[in-house]
Protein backbone atom coordinates (compact mmCIF):
# COMPACT_ATOMS: atom_id res chain seq x y z
CA MET A 1 -14.50 21.96 -23.29
CA GLU A 2 -12.68 24.34 -20.95
CA PHE A 3 -9.01 23.44 -20.40
CA ILE A 4 -8.05 22.74 -16.80
CA ASP A 5 -4.42 22.75 -15.92
CA TYR A 6 -4.17 19.73 -13.62
CA TYR A 7 -0.58 20.60 -12.61
CA LYS A 8 -1.72 24.00 -11.49
CA VAL A 9 -4.69 22.51 -9.62
CA LEU A 10 -2.33 20.39 -7.53
CA GLY A 11 0.29 23.13 -7.27
CA ILE A 12 3.12 21.07 -8.80
CA GLY A 13 5.38 21.31 -11.82
CA LYS A 14 5.23 19.18 -14.97
CA LYS A 15 8.27 17.21 -13.86
CA ALA A 16 6.69 16.22 -10.55
CA SER A 17 7.25 12.61 -9.52
CA GLU A 18 4.50 10.18 -8.52
CA THR A 19 5.42 10.77 -4.87
CA ASP A 20 5.06 14.54 -5.34
CA ILE A 21 1.67 14.06 -6.93
CA LYS A 22 0.50 11.87 -4.09
CA LYS A 23 1.69 14.20 -1.36
CA ALA A 24 0.10 17.25 -3.10
CA TYR A 25 -3.21 15.44 -3.59
CA ARG A 26 -3.46 14.26 0.05
CA LYS A 27 -2.62 17.74 1.39
CA LEU A 28 -5.22 19.49 -0.79
CA ALA A 29 -7.92 16.78 -0.48
CA ARG A 30 -7.67 17.09 3.31
CA LYS A 31 -7.86 20.94 3.16
CA PHE A 32 -10.86 21.14 0.82
CA HIS A 33 -12.78 18.01 1.93
CA PRO A 34 -16.55 18.80 2.10
CA ASP A 35 -16.83 17.36 5.58
CA LEU A 36 -14.34 19.99 6.79
CA ASN A 37 -15.95 22.76 4.74
CA PRO A 38 -19.72 22.32 5.05
CA ASN A 39 -21.94 24.39 2.79
CA ASP A 40 -18.85 25.84 0.99
CA THR A 41 -19.57 25.48 -2.76
CA GLU A 42 -16.14 26.83 -3.75
CA ALA A 43 -14.39 24.23 -1.60
CA GLU A 44 -16.63 21.46 -3.02
CA LYS A 45 -15.72 22.62 -6.59
CA LYS A 46 -12.06 22.68 -5.74
CA PHE A 47 -12.32 19.20 -4.18
CA LYS A 48 -13.78 17.82 -7.43
CA GLN A 49 -11.00 19.40 -9.44
CA ILE A 50 -8.34 17.96 -7.16
CA ASN A 51 -9.78 14.44 -7.52
CA GLU A 52 -9.96 14.81 -11.32
CA ALA A 53 -6.43 16.06 -11.51
CA ASN A 54 -5.13 13.24 -9.29
CA GLU A 55 -6.98 10.58 -11.33
CA VAL A 56 -5.24 11.72 -14.52
CA LEU A 57 -1.75 12.60 -13.29
CA SER A 58 -1.34 9.60 -10.95
CA ASP A 59 -1.90 7.28 -13.96
CA PRO A 60 1.24 7.16 -16.15
CA GLU A 61 -0.64 6.40 -19.37
CA LYS A 62 -3.34 9.06 -18.79
CA ARG A 63 -0.66 11.60 -17.81
CA LYS A 64 1.28 10.91 -20.98
CA LYS A 65 -1.82 11.57 -23.12
CA TYR A 66 -2.74 14.60 -21.12
CA ASP A 67 0.77 16.15 -21.52
CA GLN A 68 0.60 15.56 -25.24
CA TYR A 69 -3.01 16.41 -26.08
CA GLY A 70 -4.30 18.68 -23.31
CA LYS A 71 -8.05 18.94 -22.94
CA ASP A 72 -8.66 16.35 -25.69
CA TRP A 73 -6.47 13.65 -24.10
CA GLN A 74 -9.34 11.20 -23.72
CA HIS A 75 -9.67 11.04 -27.52
CA ALA A 76 -5.94 10.48 -28.14
CA GLU A 77 -6.36 6.96 -29.41
CA GLU A 78 -8.92 7.94 -31.98
CA PHE A 79 -6.65 10.73 -33.19
CA GLU A 80 -3.65 8.46 -33.54
CA LYS A 81 -5.62 5.89 -35.49
CA GLN A 82 -7.02 8.47 -37.87
CA LYS A 83 -3.64 10.21 -38.25
CA LYS A 84 -2.02 6.97 -39.41
CA ALA A 85 -4.79 6.26 -41.82
CA ARG A 86 -4.62 9.79 -43.25
CA GLN A 87 -0.85 9.73 -43.62
CA GLN A 88 -1.47 7.17 -46.40
CA GLU A 89 -3.98 9.37 -48.18
CA SER A 90 -3.95 12.96 -49.45
CA GLY A 91 -6.52 15.64 -49.73
CA PHE A 92 -8.91 13.73 -47.40
CA GLY A 93 -11.99 15.85 -47.24
CA GLY A 94 -9.99 19.03 -47.43
CA TYR A 95 -7.78 17.85 -44.62
CA THR A 96 -4.23 16.76 -45.38
CA TYR A 97 -2.19 15.00 -42.72
CA SER A 98 1.58 14.79 -43.14
CA GLY A 99 4.41 14.51 -40.61
CA GLY A 100 3.77 15.16 -36.90
CA GLN A 101 0.61 17.02 -35.81
CA SER A 102 0.58 19.77 -33.21
CA ALA A 103 -1.89 20.26 -30.38
CA ASP A 104 -3.74 22.73 -32.54
CA ASP A 105 -4.04 20.14 -35.37
CA PHE A 106 -5.44 17.77 -32.77
CA SER A 107 -8.12 20.22 -31.65
CA ASP A 108 -8.98 21.06 -35.28
CA PHE A 109 -9.31 17.37 -35.95
CA PHE A 110 -11.91 16.87 -33.24
CA GLU A 111 -13.81 19.99 -34.14
CA ASN A 112 -14.34 18.53 -37.60
CA MET A 113 -14.95 15.00 -36.31
CA PHE A 114 -17.62 15.97 -33.78
CA GLY A 115 -18.76 19.25 -35.21
CA GLY A 116 -21.30 17.67 -37.55
CA GLY A 117 -19.40 17.88 -40.85
CA GLY A 118 -17.23 14.88 -40.36
CA PHE A 119 -14.67 13.48 -42.82
CA ARG A 120 -15.71 12.00 -46.09
CA SER A 121 -13.77 9.62 -48.24
CA SER A 122 -14.66 8.24 -51.61
CA ARG A 123 -12.93 5.04 -50.68
CA ARG A 124 -14.24 4.32 -47.20
CA SER A 125 -16.16 5.76 -44.25
CA ALA A 126 -14.23 6.25 -40.99
CA ARG A 127 -15.34 4.59 -37.79
CA PHE A 128 -15.41 6.87 -34.70
CA ARG A 129 -15.84 6.08 -31.08
CA GLY A 130 -18.83 7.65 -29.38
CA GLN A 131 -18.55 10.54 -27.03
CA ASP A 132 -18.12 9.94 -23.28
CA PHE A 133 -21.01 10.93 -21.02
CA ASN A 134 -20.63 12.45 -17.56
CA ALA A 135 -23.28 12.27 -14.88
CA GLU A 136 -23.52 13.06 -11.17
CA LEU A 137 -25.20 10.79 -8.61
CA GLN A 138 -26.25 12.03 -5.16
CA LEU A 139 -26.16 9.67 -2.24
CA ASN A 140 -26.39 9.92 1.56
CA LEU A 141 -23.37 8.84 3.50
CA THR A 142 -25.40 5.99 5.00
CA ASP A 143 -26.05 4.73 1.46
CA THR A 144 -22.38 3.86 1.16
CA LEU A 145 -22.34 1.39 4.04
CA THR A 146 -23.07 -1.61 1.80
CA SER A 147 -22.78 -2.34 -1.92
CA HIS A 148 -26.06 -2.09 -3.66
CA LYS A 149 -27.65 -1.86 -7.13
CA GLN A 150 -29.32 1.22 -8.43
CA THR A 151 -31.07 2.01 -11.78
CA LEU A 152 -30.11 5.22 -13.54
CA THR A 153 -31.66 6.78 -16.65
CA VAL A 154 -28.93 8.14 -18.97
CA ASN A 155 -29.78 9.55 -22.45
CA ASN A 156 -33.28 8.02 -22.12
CA LYS A 157 -31.83 4.57 -21.40
CA LYS A 158 -32.07 2.77 -18.06
CA ILE A 159 -28.78 1.41 -16.72
CA ARG A 160 -28.52 -0.81 -13.66
CA ILE A 161 -25.19 -0.36 -11.89
CA THR A 162 -23.60 -1.71 -8.68
CA ILE A 163 -22.51 1.04 -6.30
CA PRO A 164 -19.53 -0.25 -4.29
CA ALA A 165 -19.57 0.19 -0.51
CA GLY A 166 -17.23 2.99 0.71
CA VAL A 167 -17.43 5.15 -2.37
CA GLU A 168 -16.25 8.66 -1.53
CA HIS A 169 -17.45 12.18 -2.21
CA GLY A 170 -16.12 13.45 -5.55
CA GLN A 171 -15.05 9.93 -6.66
CA THR A 172 -15.63 9.00 -10.31
CA ILE A 173 -16.25 5.47 -11.70
CA LYS A 174 -16.40 4.48 -15.34
CA ILE A 175 -19.22 2.34 -16.87
CA ALA A 176 -17.69 1.12 -20.12
CA GLY A 177 -19.77 1.24 -23.34
CA HIS A 178 -22.65 3.35 -21.94
CA GLY A 179 -21.63 6.61 -23.48
CA GLY A 180 -22.64 8.00 -26.88
CA GLN A 181 -23.21 5.73 -29.84
CA GLY A 182 -20.27 5.22 -32.22
CA VAL A 183 -20.23 6.50 -35.83
CA ASN A 184 -20.24 4.01 -38.64
CA ASN A 185 -20.33 1.05 -36.23
CA GLY A 186 -17.57 2.54 -34.13
CA PRO A 187 -17.39 1.58 -30.45
CA ALA A 188 -19.65 3.39 -27.95
CA GLY A 189 -18.15 5.87 -25.50
CA ASP A 190 -18.06 5.40 -21.76
CA LEU A 191 -20.21 6.77 -18.93
CA TYR A 192 -18.35 8.51 -16.06
CA ILE A 193 -20.35 8.90 -12.83
CA THR A 194 -19.17 11.32 -10.17
CA PHE A 195 -20.58 10.76 -6.70
CA ASN A 196 -21.92 13.62 -4.56
CA ILE A 197 -22.09 12.17 -0.99
CA ARG A 198 -24.13 14.13 1.50
CA ASN A 199 -23.12 13.55 5.08
CA ASN A 200 -26.47 12.80 6.78
CA THR A 201 -24.85 11.71 10.05
CA ALA A 202 -23.64 13.53 13.14
CA PHE A 203 -20.09 12.45 12.48
CA GLY A 204 -17.21 14.05 10.71
CA ARG A 205 -15.60 11.98 7.91
CA GLU A 206 -12.11 11.71 6.35
CA ASN A 207 -11.79 8.83 3.84
CA ALA A 208 -13.06 5.74 5.79
CA ASP A 209 -12.56 7.21 9.25
CA LEU A 210 -15.31 8.89 11.31
CA TYR A 211 -14.95 11.54 13.98
CA LYS A 212 -17.19 12.55 16.92
CA SER A 213 -16.87 15.00 19.86
CA GLN A 214 -18.40 13.57 23.04
CA GLU A 215 -19.17 15.66 26.09
CA ILE A 216 -18.47 14.03 29.49
CA PRO A 217 -19.23 15.37 33.03
CA LEU A 218 -16.34 16.79 35.00
CA THR A 219 -16.83 14.13 37.69
CA THR A 220 -16.51 11.34 35.10
CA ALA A 221 -13.35 12.91 33.76
CA VAL A 222 -11.85 13.07 37.30
CA LEU A 223 -13.07 9.85 38.73
CA GLY A 224 -13.58 7.72 35.62
CA GLY A 225 -16.72 5.95 34.66
CA GLU A 226 -18.69 4.58 31.69
CA ILE A 227 -20.50 6.34 28.92
CA THR A 228 -22.58 5.18 25.89
CA ILE A 229 -22.05 6.62 22.43
CA ALA A 230 -23.85 6.06 19.12
CA THR A 231 -21.96 4.73 16.06
CA LEU A 232 -23.18 3.87 12.58
CA SER A 233 -23.29 0.21 13.67
CA GLY A 234 -25.15 0.84 16.96
CA LYS A 235 -24.48 2.05 20.52
CA VAL A 236 -21.15 1.29 22.17
CA LYS A 237 -20.19 1.54 25.86
CA LEU A 238 -16.85 3.10 26.64
CA LYS A 239 -14.87 3.18 29.83
CA VAL A 240 -13.46 6.59 30.78
CA LYS A 241 -10.23 6.36 32.67
CA PRO A 242 -9.80 8.39 35.90
CA GLY A 243 -8.03 11.68 35.25
CA THR A 244 -9.09 11.96 31.62
CA ALA A 245 -8.00 15.33 30.24
CA ASN A 246 -10.12 17.63 28.04
CA GLY A 247 -9.44 16.78 24.35
CA THR A 248 -8.41 13.19 24.96
CA LYS A 249 -8.98 11.09 21.79
CA VAL A 250 -9.83 7.42 21.77
CA LYS A 251 -10.04 5.09 18.80
CA LEU A 252 -12.64 2.44 18.11
CA LYS A 253 -10.89 0.23 15.60
CA GLY A 254 -13.02 -0.95 12.66
CA LYS A 255 -16.12 1.15 13.62
CA GLY A 256 -15.73 3.56 10.70
CA LEU A 257 -16.85 3.22 7.07
CA PRO A 258 -16.23 0.33 4.74
CA LYS A 259 -13.05 0.83 2.62
CA TYR A 260 -13.68 1.14 -1.06
CA LYS A 261 -13.28 -2.19 -2.86
CA LYS A 262 -11.60 -3.79 0.23
CA GLU A 263 -13.98 -6.53 1.34
CA GLY A 264 -14.21 -6.81 5.13
CA GLN A 265 -11.96 -3.78 5.81
CA PHE A 266 -13.25 -0.73 7.67
CA GLY A 267 -11.94 2.60 8.85
CA ASP A 268 -11.83 3.62 12.47
CA PHE A 269 -14.04 5.73 14.74
CA PHE A 270 -12.37 8.49 16.71
CA VAL A 271 -14.00 10.02 19.79
CA THR A 272 -12.73 13.24 21.28
CA TYR A 273 -13.71 13.91 24.87
CA LYS A 274 -14.97 17.40 25.75
CA VAL A 275 -15.06 17.86 29.56
CA LYS A 276 -18.17 19.74 30.67
CA ILE A 277 -17.39 22.48 33.20
CA PRO A 278 -20.41 23.07 35.50
CA THR A 279 -21.56 26.76 35.45
CA LYS A 280 -24.64 26.65 37.78
CA LEU A 281 -23.83 25.13 41.19
CA ASN A 282 -26.25 24.78 44.06
CA LYS A 283 -25.16 25.65 47.56
CA ARG A 284 -24.02 22.16 48.47
CA GLN A 285 -22.09 21.75 45.22
CA ASN A 286 -20.35 25.10 45.76
CA GLU A 287 -19.31 24.10 49.26
CA LEU A 288 -17.87 20.86 48.03
CA PHE A 289 -15.76 22.63 45.38
CA GLN A 290 -14.56 25.11 47.95
CA GLN A 291 -13.46 22.22 50.14
CA LEU A 292 -11.74 20.67 47.13
CA GLN A 293 -9.99 23.93 46.44
CA GLU A 294 -8.55 24.00 49.90
CA THR A 295 -6.74 20.75 49.17
CA ASN A 296 -4.78 22.65 46.45
CA LEU A 297 -5.80 20.29 43.71
C-alpha cells in the first residue's frame, strides 16, 4: 500500500489542533469540490485524498494509530494483540518479539502475516482478522434525495445496503464484517464504500446547498415582477423586487438537498439573478430608451 501523508495533504503540521484540521479541510474541500471543478480528474483525486485525510485525522483514536503505525494503522489492534502474545514466546516461526517494536517491525509483521507464509506455532494457531475491502459506488445526485436500498456484488457475494439520503461525493461509509474472511476463525474485515456522485442536475452543489443562476429581463429588474424557476422539488414562483441589481442573490430556505443522517433537515437553494441586457432593439424600443436617457437615469 502506498503511504499517503495525511498531514501534507491538508497542509498542516503534526501538532495541528482539531480546529486547525477542520479549517484546513473546509478550505481545501471547497477549493477542490467536483462541482466547482467539472471534468477535472486531478481535482477529483485531490478531493478524495482530502476527505480520507480528514476522516483519519479528525478522529483522535484513528489519528493516534496513524501517527504510530503509518500506512498500516488500520491493523494496529491485530499487531498489538500478536505482539503481546509473542512477548511471552521465543523463536516464534523465526520471528522473535522483545521490547518495543518500531514502525519497520510493524510493516515486517504484516508482510509475513498477509504474504502467504504466515506464522506457525507448535502450541497454537494464531487468529487473524480478515483484510478490509474497498469499493466505489457511482450514483447520480438525484439518487441521494431519499434513503434507499441497493444490492451490491462484492467478492462474488451479494450485499444489500441502505444508502442514506444526502450522502456526498467522496464520502466513505463502513459496512462492518463484509470484508475478507478471517484466518483460523478470526473476525472478518470490513467493507469501505466510497461514493462517486455525478451531478446530473443543472444546479451547482456545495454540501447540502444548491446554486443556480437565473436570467431576468431588464424591465423586470427595473420594475419588478414575478418569475418561475425549477428546483429539485418542483417549480417555484419568485417575486422580483423593483430595482433589483445584477448579481443579486436570494435564498430559498430548505429547498436544497437532504442533510446526511439528519432526518427532516435540508440545505438551502440560492438563486443569483443575471440581468439580461437587450442587444437588438427595434425602432420603437430604441426611441423609448433614448427618451429614458434624456431623464438622466
